[in-house]
Amino acid sequence: MNVLLRSARIIDSNSRYHKQVKDILIQNGMIVKIGKALEAPKNVKVIELKNLHVSAGWFDSSVSLGEPGYEERENIMHGLEVAAKSGFTKVALNPNTQPLIDNKSAVEFLIQKSKGSAVSLYPIANLTQKAEGRELAELYDMQNSGAIAFGDYNKSVDNVNLLKIALLYAQNFDGLVLSFPQDESIGAHGFVNESEQTTRLGLNAIPNLSEELQVSRDLAVLEYTGGKLHIPTISTSKSVQLIKEAKKKGLDVTCSLAAHHMCMTDAEIKSFDANYKVTPPLRTAKDVKSMIKGVHDGIIDMIVSDHNPIDIENKNVEFEKGFYGTIGMESLFGSIHKNLELEKAIACLTENPCKRFNLPVPVIEEDQLADMTLFDPDTEYIFEVSDIRSKSKNSAFLGKALKGRAYGIYAKRKLVLN
């Protein structure tokens, strides 16, 4: 589709038009002209939206979509439509499926299923066969088929020798290894943060130590082997400090933060609402403060939704029995922009994750492919069920005040608007 965006403020630090208000003419998927009061050619759709801002297309690097195996929770094409209307031109799909993504055929299936969508889907494949943590999966073959990283979703690598071998082996083809930060020997039987409040509630806990031991161990292995390590969804103050020290040493490590871990504390648990049952668990106000500072200081590289649809039968139950996970694509930008200045929020959704997962970084310049997100950063609202487009409604952000909302995207020659 050919479009002309009227009076769009460009937020792109890699563009000469950064922070400027311009018209943007897109034809045949390319940005052909950026300027003031551009004339609209024939067969061009003119888009005029209140307080329109545009940036390079957002990338959510931790998304689960159910298919294959859990289509009642979500499926790929509908999930990608949700992603587009939430402002994402790219998503990294977690191996949270049945069957798992532990072979090249599974990777190719996912990529084939996503064809025709304006959103690009990039599979994260399992690190180990059947996610059992015993033997490595077909890492090289899966990367050649389109996988962008390797990790067993929300499962730690308990076998330290296996992690060592994975980091050594992946260097042969510049592979990125993910290691979920939780020592199962300490946190296996808990489901909330260990704190005075959760102890009073009588709930089994996962202490900060469970995460910090795992992060410390993984960084020690990385220092020994070299290679590329990504630690997803950290949640504690000490984890930030450990990763900061590792980066100072020159280790090739990055980390991500789930939006709910920078916006909520374990105080939410007193409601016994299973929508707040996530992994890692919601931590204390001190940890939340450290998360925000870690983003500002560049220690935390990217922010993710960790979007995980769960059907009502497995969420609308007693807290202990509820499945882990919250949806989050629809609320991601509005939640993080409450705590971050606009440019930092955009960097955490664009340039930083693209570079880490070895994807092209879009730029809003003439003669460049149009891959952009359209949004209003200033609208303030309470997130309600009516804001949810996902099949599953298990959002921890229901009833929360947000700031900023996506209008949609332009990518792969397609315009998708709410």
Protein backbone atom coordinates (compact mmCIF):
# COMPACT_ATOMS: atom_id res chain seq x y z
CA MET A 1 0.00 0.00 0.00
CA ASN A 2 1.19 3.51 -0.84
CA VAL A 3 0.66 6.02 1.97
CA LEU A 4 1.43 9.60 2.93
CA LEU A 5 1.84 10.22 6.64
CA ARG A 6 0.95 13.80 7.48
CA SER A 7 2.71 15.79 10.22
CA ALA A 8 4.51 12.88 11.87
CA ARG A 9 7.11 13.55 14.53
CA ILE A 10 10.04 11.26 13.79
CA ILE A 11 11.68 9.56 16.79
CA ASP A 12 14.77 7.87 15.37
CA SER A 13 18.22 8.75 16.67
CA ASN A 14 19.76 7.19 13.55
CA SER A 15 17.85 9.55 11.25
CA ARG A 16 18.75 13.10 10.26
CA TYR A 17 15.06 13.92 10.85
CA HIS A 18 15.12 12.88 14.52
CA LYS A 19 12.53 14.83 16.54
CA GLN A 20 11.37 16.75 13.46
CA VAL A 21 7.75 16.93 12.26
CA LYS A 22 7.57 15.86 8.62
CA ASP A 23 5.33 14.35 5.98
CA ILE A 24 6.51 10.89 4.92
CA LEU A 25 5.65 9.49 1.48
CA ILE A 26 5.86 5.70 1.12
CA GLN A 27 5.51 4.01 -2.27
CA ASN A 28 6.06 0.33 -3.09
CA GLY A 29 7.29 -0.24 0.44
CA MET A 30 10.03 2.40 0.23
CA ILE A 31 10.32 5.81 1.87
CA VAL A 32 10.60 8.00 -1.23
CA LYS A 33 10.22 11.49 0.25
CA ILE A 34 10.39 13.17 3.64
CA GLY A 35 9.50 16.84 3.80
CA LYS A 36 6.97 19.54 4.58
CA ALA A 37 3.51 19.77 3.01
CA LEU A 38 4.19 17.03 0.46
CA GLU A 39 1.74 16.66 -2.39
CA ALA A 40 -0.20 13.40 -2.35
CA PRO A 41 0.18 11.50 -5.65
CA LYS A 42 -2.72 9.49 -7.05
CA ASN A 43 -3.41 6.11 -5.47
CA VAL A 44 -1.82 7.15 -2.19
CA LYS A 45 -3.71 6.83 1.10
CA VAL A 46 -3.29 9.94 3.25
CA ILE A 47 -2.97 9.24 6.99
CA GLU A 48 -3.62 12.05 9.47
CA LEU A 49 -3.68 11.08 13.13
CA LYS A 50 -3.72 13.07 16.36
CA ASN A 51 -0.23 13.65 17.81
CA LEU A 52 1.24 11.19 15.31
CA HIS A 53 4.76 9.99 16.09
CA VAL A 54 6.73 7.44 14.07
CA SER A 55 9.79 5.40 14.92
CA ALA A 56 11.62 2.43 13.49
CA GLY A 57 9.44 -0.64 13.83
CA TRP A 58 9.28 -2.05 17.36
CA PHE A 59 10.66 -5.51 18.12
CA ASP A 60 9.32 -7.64 20.99
CA SER A 61 11.94 -10.31 21.59
CA SER A 62 9.89 -12.53 23.93
CA VAL A 63 6.47 -13.61 22.66
CA SER A 64 4.52 -16.87 22.95
CA LEU A 65 1.63 -17.52 20.54
CA GLY A 66 0.40 -21.01 21.42
CA GLU A 67 0.53 -22.53 17.95
CA PRO A 68 1.32 -25.35 17.47
CA GLY A 69 -0.38 -27.19 20.30
CA TYR A 70 -2.20 -24.47 22.23
CA GLU A 71 -4.30 -22.76 19.55
CA GLU A 72 -7.15 -22.26 22.03
CA ARG A 73 -4.89 -19.72 23.77
CA GLU A 74 -3.70 -17.99 20.60
CA ASN A 75 -2.63 -18.81 17.05
CA ILE A 76 0.11 -17.39 14.88
CA MET A 77 -1.84 -15.28 12.39
CA HIS A 78 -4.18 -13.76 14.97
CA GLY A 79 -1.27 -13.24 17.35
CA LEU A 80 0.68 -11.40 14.65
CA GLU A 81 -2.34 -9.19 13.99
CA VAL A 82 -2.36 -8.35 17.71
CA ALA A 83 1.36 -7.59 17.46
CA ALA A 84 0.82 -5.25 14.50
CA LYS A 85 -1.96 -3.31 16.23
CA SER A 86 0.22 -3.13 19.34
CA GLY A 87 2.99 -1.46 17.29
CA PHE A 88 5.34 -4.36 16.56
CA THR A 89 6.80 -5.05 13.13
CA LYS A 90 8.90 -7.94 14.46
CA VAL A 91 8.50 -10.55 17.20
CA ALA A 92 10.77 -13.32 18.45
CA LEU A 93 8.67 -16.41 19.11
CA ASN A 94 9.48 -18.48 22.19
CA PRO A 95 9.62 -22.29 21.97
CA ASN A 96 6.57 -22.50 24.21
CA THR A 97 4.70 -24.92 21.95
CA GLN A 98 3.77 -28.57 21.55
CA PRO A 99 5.57 -30.04 19.73
CA LEU A 100 8.59 -27.98 20.71
CA ILE A 101 10.84 -26.02 18.35
CA ASP A 102 13.80 -28.37 18.63
CA ASN A 103 14.40 -29.24 14.96
CA LYS A 104 14.66 -27.47 11.61
CA SER A 105 11.22 -28.63 10.43
CA ALA A 106 9.57 -26.94 13.40
CA VAL A 107 11.42 -23.69 12.68
CA GLU A 108 10.43 -23.79 9.02
CA PHE A 109 6.80 -24.51 9.94
CA LEU A 110 6.58 -21.36 12.06
CA ILE A 111 8.14 -19.15 9.41
CA GLN A 112 5.83 -20.58 6.75
CA LYS A 113 2.75 -20.04 8.95
CA SER A 114 3.65 -16.36 9.38
CA LYS A 115 3.87 -15.60 5.66
CA GLY A 116 1.41 -12.95 4.53
CA SER A 117 1.56 -11.02 7.80
CA ALA A 118 2.92 -7.48 8.01
CA VAL A 119 4.81 -8.63 11.10
CA SER A 120 8.05 -10.61 10.74
CA LEU A 121 8.25 -13.68 12.97
CA TYR A 122 11.67 -14.91 14.13
CA PRO A 123 11.72 -18.24 15.99
CA ILE A 124 13.79 -18.78 19.10
CA ALA A 125 14.53 -22.50 18.99
CA ASN A 126 15.02 -24.86 21.90
CA LEU A 127 18.57 -25.19 23.18
CA THR A 128 18.07 -28.83 24.16
CA GLN A 129 16.15 -31.75 22.71
CA LYS A 130 12.58 -31.82 24.03
CA ALA A 131 13.65 -29.00 26.41
CA GLU A 132 14.85 -31.73 28.78
CA GLY A 133 18.26 -30.18 29.41
CA ARG A 134 20.17 -33.35 28.51
CA GLU A 135 21.38 -33.07 24.93
CA LEU A 136 21.77 -30.10 22.59
CA ALA A 137 19.20 -29.71 19.83
CA GLU A 138 20.13 -29.21 16.14
CA LEU A 139 21.43 -25.68 16.71
CA TYR A 140 23.33 -25.18 13.47
CA ASP A 141 20.59 -26.62 11.25
CA MET A 142 17.91 -24.59 13.02
CA GLN A 143 19.87 -21.35 12.62
CA ASN A 144 20.24 -22.07 8.91
CA SER A 145 16.47 -22.54 8.76
CA GLY A 146 15.78 -19.17 10.41
CA ALA A 147 16.14 -19.50 14.19
CA ILE A 148 17.73 -16.39 15.72
CA ALA A 149 18.67 -17.77 19.16
CA PHE A 150 18.49 -20.88 21.32
CA GLY A 151 16.96 -21.35 24.77
CA ASP A 152 14.43 -23.51 26.59
CA TYR A 153 11.63 -21.08 27.48
CA ASN A 154 11.41 -20.41 31.22
CA LYS A 155 13.64 -23.40 31.94
CA SER A 156 17.13 -23.00 33.31
CA VAL A 157 20.10 -24.97 32.05
CA ASP A 158 20.76 -27.07 35.15
CA ASN A 159 23.67 -28.98 33.60
CA VAL A 160 26.57 -26.52 33.70
CA ASN A 161 28.66 -28.66 31.34
CA LEU A 162 25.87 -28.55 28.77
CA LEU A 163 25.82 -24.74 28.94
CA LYS A 164 29.61 -24.75 28.51
CA ILE A 165 29.36 -26.95 25.43
CA ALA A 166 26.52 -24.86 23.98
CA LEU A 167 28.49 -21.62 24.31
CA LEU A 168 31.58 -23.20 22.77
CA TYR A 169 29.70 -24.88 19.92
CA ALA A 170 27.56 -21.86 19.01
CA GLN A 171 30.68 -19.76 18.39
CA ASN A 172 31.24 -21.74 15.19
CA PHE A 173 28.20 -20.08 13.58
CA ASP A 174 27.82 -16.91 15.70
CA GLY A 175 24.87 -18.39 17.58
CA LEU A 176 23.21 -16.68 20.55
CA VAL A 177 22.52 -18.80 23.65
CA LEU A 178 19.76 -17.92 26.12
CA SER A 179 19.79 -19.07 29.74
CA PHE A 180 16.74 -18.50 31.95
CA PRO A 181 17.86 -17.10 35.32
CA GLN A 182 16.48 -19.46 37.94
CA ASP A 183 18.21 -22.18 39.93
CA GLU A 184 15.49 -24.82 40.09
CA SER A 185 17.02 -26.51 43.14
CA ILE A 186 16.11 -23.41 45.14
CA GLY A 187 13.04 -22.05 43.37
CA ALA A 188 11.32 -25.16 42.05
CA HIS A 189 8.51 -25.35 44.62
CA GLY A 190 7.77 -21.64 44.91
CA PHE A 191 5.56 -19.34 42.90
CA VAL A 192 5.93 -15.87 44.48
CA ASN A 193 8.80 -13.68 45.63
CA GLU A 194 10.31 -14.37 49.03
CA SER A 195 9.46 -11.38 51.19
CA GLU A 196 7.83 -10.50 54.48
CA GLN A 197 4.52 -9.91 52.74
CA THR A 198 4.38 -13.18 50.83
CA THR A 199 5.45 -15.09 53.95
CA ARG A 200 2.43 -13.61 55.75
CA LEU A 201 0.23 -14.81 52.89
CA GLY A 202 1.52 -18.34 53.39
CA LEU A 203 2.70 -18.84 49.82
CA ASN A 204 5.76 -20.87 48.82
CA ALA A 205 8.49 -18.52 47.66
CA ILE A 206 11.23 -18.16 45.07
CA PRO A 207 14.02 -16.15 46.69
CA ASN A 208 16.18 -13.63 44.85
CA LEU A 209 19.05 -16.01 45.51
CA SER A 210 17.58 -18.48 43.03
CA GLU A 211 18.05 -15.99 40.21
CA GLU A 212 21.31 -14.51 41.36
CA LEU A 213 23.10 -17.86 41.76
CA GLN A 214 22.09 -18.81 38.24
CA VAL A 215 23.18 -15.47 36.74
CA SER A 216 26.50 -15.63 38.59
CA ARG A 217 27.11 -19.21 37.43
CA ASP A 218 26.20 -18.47 33.80
CA LEU A 219 28.48 -15.45 33.69
CA ALA A 220 31.34 -17.51 35.10
CA VAL A 221 30.82 -20.09 32.36
CA LEU A 222 30.68 -17.34 29.72
CA GLU A 223 33.96 -15.90 31.00
CA TYR A 224 35.53 -19.33 30.61
CA THR A 225 34.13 -20.20 27.17
CA GLY A 226 33.59 -16.92 25.37
CA GLY A 227 30.62 -16.77 23.02
CA LYS A 228 27.35 -14.85 23.17
CA LEU A 229 24.93 -15.10 26.09
CA HIS A 230 21.53 -13.47 26.56
CA ILE A 231 19.82 -13.63 29.95
CA PRO A 232 16.06 -13.08 29.55
CA THR A 233 13.74 -11.37 32.02
CA ILE A 234 15.97 -10.61 35.00
CA SER A 235 14.18 -9.29 38.07
CA THR A 236 16.53 -8.57 40.99
CA SER A 237 18.86 -5.74 41.99
CA LYS A 238 21.87 -8.01 42.33
CA SER A 239 21.32 -9.49 38.87
CA VAL A 240 21.70 -6.00 37.42
CA GLN A 241 24.93 -5.51 39.35
CA LEU A 242 26.33 -8.90 38.26
CA ILE A 243 25.63 -8.14 34.60
CA LYS A 244 27.09 -4.66 34.96
CA GLU A 245 30.35 -6.14 36.26
CA ALA A 246 30.39 -8.75 33.48
CA LYS A 247 30.00 -6.08 30.82
CA LYS A 248 32.87 -4.12 32.36
CA LYS A 249 35.02 -7.23 31.92
CA GLY A 250 34.15 -7.25 28.22
CA LEU A 251 31.94 -10.35 28.28
CA ASP A 252 29.47 -10.58 25.40
CA VAL A 253 26.32 -10.65 27.52
CA THR A 254 22.97 -8.90 27.23
CA CYS A 255 19.78 -9.12 29.24
CA SER A 256 16.13 -8.24 28.96
CA LEU A 257 13.47 -7.04 31.35
CA ALA A 258 9.78 -7.92 31.23
CA ALA A 259 7.61 -4.81 31.46
CA HIS A 260 5.72 -6.09 34.50
CA HIS A 261 8.98 -6.30 36.44
CA MET A 262 9.54 -2.56 36.05
CA CYS A 263 5.94 -1.59 36.78
CA MET A 264 4.68 -3.86 39.57
CA THR A 265 5.80 -5.25 42.89
CA ASP A 266 4.90 -8.32 44.92
CA ALA A 267 2.34 -6.17 46.73
CA GLU A 268 -0.04 -7.17 43.91
CA ILE A 269 -0.03 -10.75 45.21
CA LYS A 270 -2.26 -9.88 48.17
CA SER A 271 -5.25 -10.00 45.79
CA PHE A 272 -4.48 -13.68 45.02
CA ASP A 273 -5.21 -12.88 41.37
CA ALA A 274 -3.42 -15.49 39.23
CA ASN A 275 -2.83 -12.88 36.51
CA TYR A 276 0.04 -11.74 38.73
CA LYS A 277 1.57 -15.22 38.77
CA VAL A 278 4.59 -14.82 36.51
CA THR A 279 8.10 -16.19 36.34
CA PRO A 280 10.37 -14.80 37.59
CA PRO A 281 7.92 -13.61 40.26
CA LEU A 282 7.11 -9.97 40.90
CA ARG A 283 9.76 -8.60 43.24
CA THR A 284 10.04 -5.72 45.75
CA ALA A 285 9.94 -1.97 45.22
CA LYS A 286 13.73 -1.90 45.66
CA ASP A 287 14.14 -4.38 42.82
CA VAL A 288 11.78 -2.39 40.58
CA LYS A 289 13.80 0.76 41.24
CA SER A 290 16.97 -1.11 40.28
CA MET A 291 15.34 -2.36 37.08
CA ILE A 292 14.47 1.17 35.98
CA LYS A 293 17.96 2.42 36.84
CA GLY A 294 19.46 -0.53 34.98
CA VAL A 295 17.59 0.49 31.83
CA HIS A 296 18.65 4.13 32.20
CA ASP A 297 22.29 3.10 32.70
CA GLY A 298 22.29 0.78 29.68
CA ILE A 299 22.88 -2.38 31.73
CA ILE A 300 19.49 -3.76 30.74
CA ASP A 301 19.48 -3.82 26.96
CA MET A 302 15.85 -4.36 26.01
CA ILE A 303 12.34 -4.54 27.41
CA VAL A 304 9.93 -7.29 26.41
CA SER A 305 6.28 -8.11 26.98
CA ASP A 306 7.02 -11.80 27.72
CA HIS A 307 3.57 -12.20 26.18
CA ASN A 308 2.21 -15.59 27.27
CA PRO A 309 -1.48 -16.28 26.57
CA ILE A 310 -3.13 -18.66 29.02
CA ASP A 311 -6.72 -19.92 28.66
CA ILE A 312 -9.24 -18.98 31.34
CA GLU A 313 -9.45 -22.55 32.67
CA ASN A 314 -5.81 -22.30 33.76
CA LYS A 315 -5.87 -18.72 35.05
CA ASN A 316 -9.24 -18.21 36.69
CA VAL A 317 -8.34 -20.66 39.46
CA GLU A 318 -6.70 -20.65 42.89
CA PHE A 319 -3.37 -18.80 42.79
CA GLU A 320 -1.31 -21.90 43.50
CA LYS A 321 -2.93 -23.83 40.62
CA GLY A 322 -2.79 -21.05 38.04
CA PHE A 323 -0.34 -21.29 35.15
CA TYR A 324 2.53 -18.80 34.99
CA GLY A 325 2.33 -15.94 32.50
CA THR A 326 0.70 -12.71 31.45
CA ILE A 327 -0.12 -11.29 28.05
CA GLY A 328 1.58 -7.98 27.40
CA MET A 329 1.96 -6.86 23.79
CA GLU A 330 -1.04 -4.51 23.93
CA SER A 331 0.23 -2.84 27.11
CA LEU A 332 3.99 -2.91 26.55
CA PHE A 333 4.65 0.59 25.25
CA GLY A 334 2.10 2.28 27.51
CA SER A 335 3.55 0.59 30.59
CA ILE A 336 7.24 1.30 30.00
CA HIS A 337 6.73 4.89 28.81
CA LYS A 338 5.38 5.73 32.28
CA ASN A 339 8.85 5.04 33.67
CA LEU A 340 11.18 6.00 30.81
CA GLU A 341 11.75 9.03 28.64
CA LEU A 342 10.53 8.49 25.11
CA GLU A 343 13.87 8.05 23.36
CA LYS A 344 15.08 5.46 25.87
CA ALA A 345 11.82 3.52 25.60
CA ILE A 346 12.07 3.48 21.80
CA ALA A 347 15.73 2.36 21.88
CA CYS A 348 14.77 -0.59 24.10
CA LEU A 349 12.15 -1.62 21.53
CA THR A 350 14.14 -1.03 18.34
CA GLU A 351 17.88 -0.65 17.94
CA ASN A 352 19.02 -2.60 21.02
CA PRO A 353 17.11 -5.87 20.43
CA CYS A 354 17.70 -5.77 16.65
CA LYS A 355 21.45 -5.54 17.13
CA ARG A 356 21.54 -8.33 19.70
CA PHE A 357 19.51 -10.74 17.59
CA ASN A 358 21.49 -9.81 14.48
CA LEU A 359 18.59 -8.24 12.60
CA PRO A 360 18.72 -5.11 10.41
CA VAL A 361 18.02 -1.86 12.27
CA PRO A 362 15.38 0.09 10.32
CA VAL A 363 15.97 3.80 9.81
CA ILE A 364 13.54 6.51 8.77
CA GLU A 365 15.35 8.03 5.80
CA GLU A 366 14.62 8.49 2.11
CA ASP A 367 15.39 5.47 -0.11
CA GLN A 368 15.04 3.08 2.84
CA LEU A 369 12.55 0.26 3.30
CA ALA A 370 9.59 1.44 5.34
CA ASP A 371 9.53 -0.50 8.61
CA MET A 372 7.93 1.78 11.17
CA THR A 373 5.57 2.08 14.09
CA LEU A 374 2.89 4.78 14.33
CA PHE A 375 1.97 5.88 17.84
CA ASP A 376 0.81 8.61 20.22
CA PRO A 377 3.18 8.78 23.21
CA ASP A 378 1.10 11.19 25.29
CA THR A 379 -2.36 9.68 25.61
CA GLU A 380 -3.08 8.49 29.16
CA TYR A 381 -5.67 5.85 29.96
CA ILE A 382 -6.63 2.94 32.19
CA PHE A 383 -5.97 -0.42 30.56
CA GLU A 384 -9.24 -2.35 30.32
CA VAL A 385 -10.46 -5.65 28.89
CA SER A 386 -11.66 -3.69 25.84
CA ASP A 387 -8.01 -2.85 25.09
CA ILE A 388 -7.11 -6.53 24.81
CA ARG A 389 -7.09 -8.00 21.31
CA SER A 390 -5.47 -11.33 22.22
CA LYS A 391 -7.62 -14.45 22.40
CA SER A 392 -6.59 -14.91 26.02
CA LYS A 393 -7.27 -12.14 28.53
CA ASN A 394 -4.75 -12.93 31.27
CA SER A 395 -3.22 -9.48 31.63
CA ALA A 396 -1.47 -8.31 34.79
CA PHE A 397 -2.00 -4.73 33.57
CA LEU A 398 -5.80 -4.68 33.81
CA GLY A 399 -6.87 -1.58 35.73
CA LYS A 400 -3.39 -0.01 35.52
CA ALA A 401 -2.72 3.54 34.28
CA LEU A 402 -0.69 3.61 31.06
CA LYS A 403 0.85 6.38 28.96
CA GLY A 404 1.14 6.00 25.20
CA ARG A 405 -0.68 3.88 22.64
CA ALA A 406 0.24 2.46 19.25
CA TYR A 407 -1.81 3.37 16.20
CA GLY A 408 -0.32 0.50 14.22
CA ILE A 409 2.52 -0.21 11.80
CA TYR A 410 3.71 0.07 8.24
CA ALA A 411 5.91 -2.87 7.21
CA LYS A 412 6.32 -5.28 4.30
CA ARG A 413 4.26 -2.94 2.09
CA LYS A 414 1.28 -3.24 4.44
CA LEU A 415 -0.43 -0.63 6.61
CA VAL A 416 -2.12 -2.01 9.74
CA LEU A 417 -4.04 0.43 11.91
CA ASN A 418 -6.32 0.08 14.91
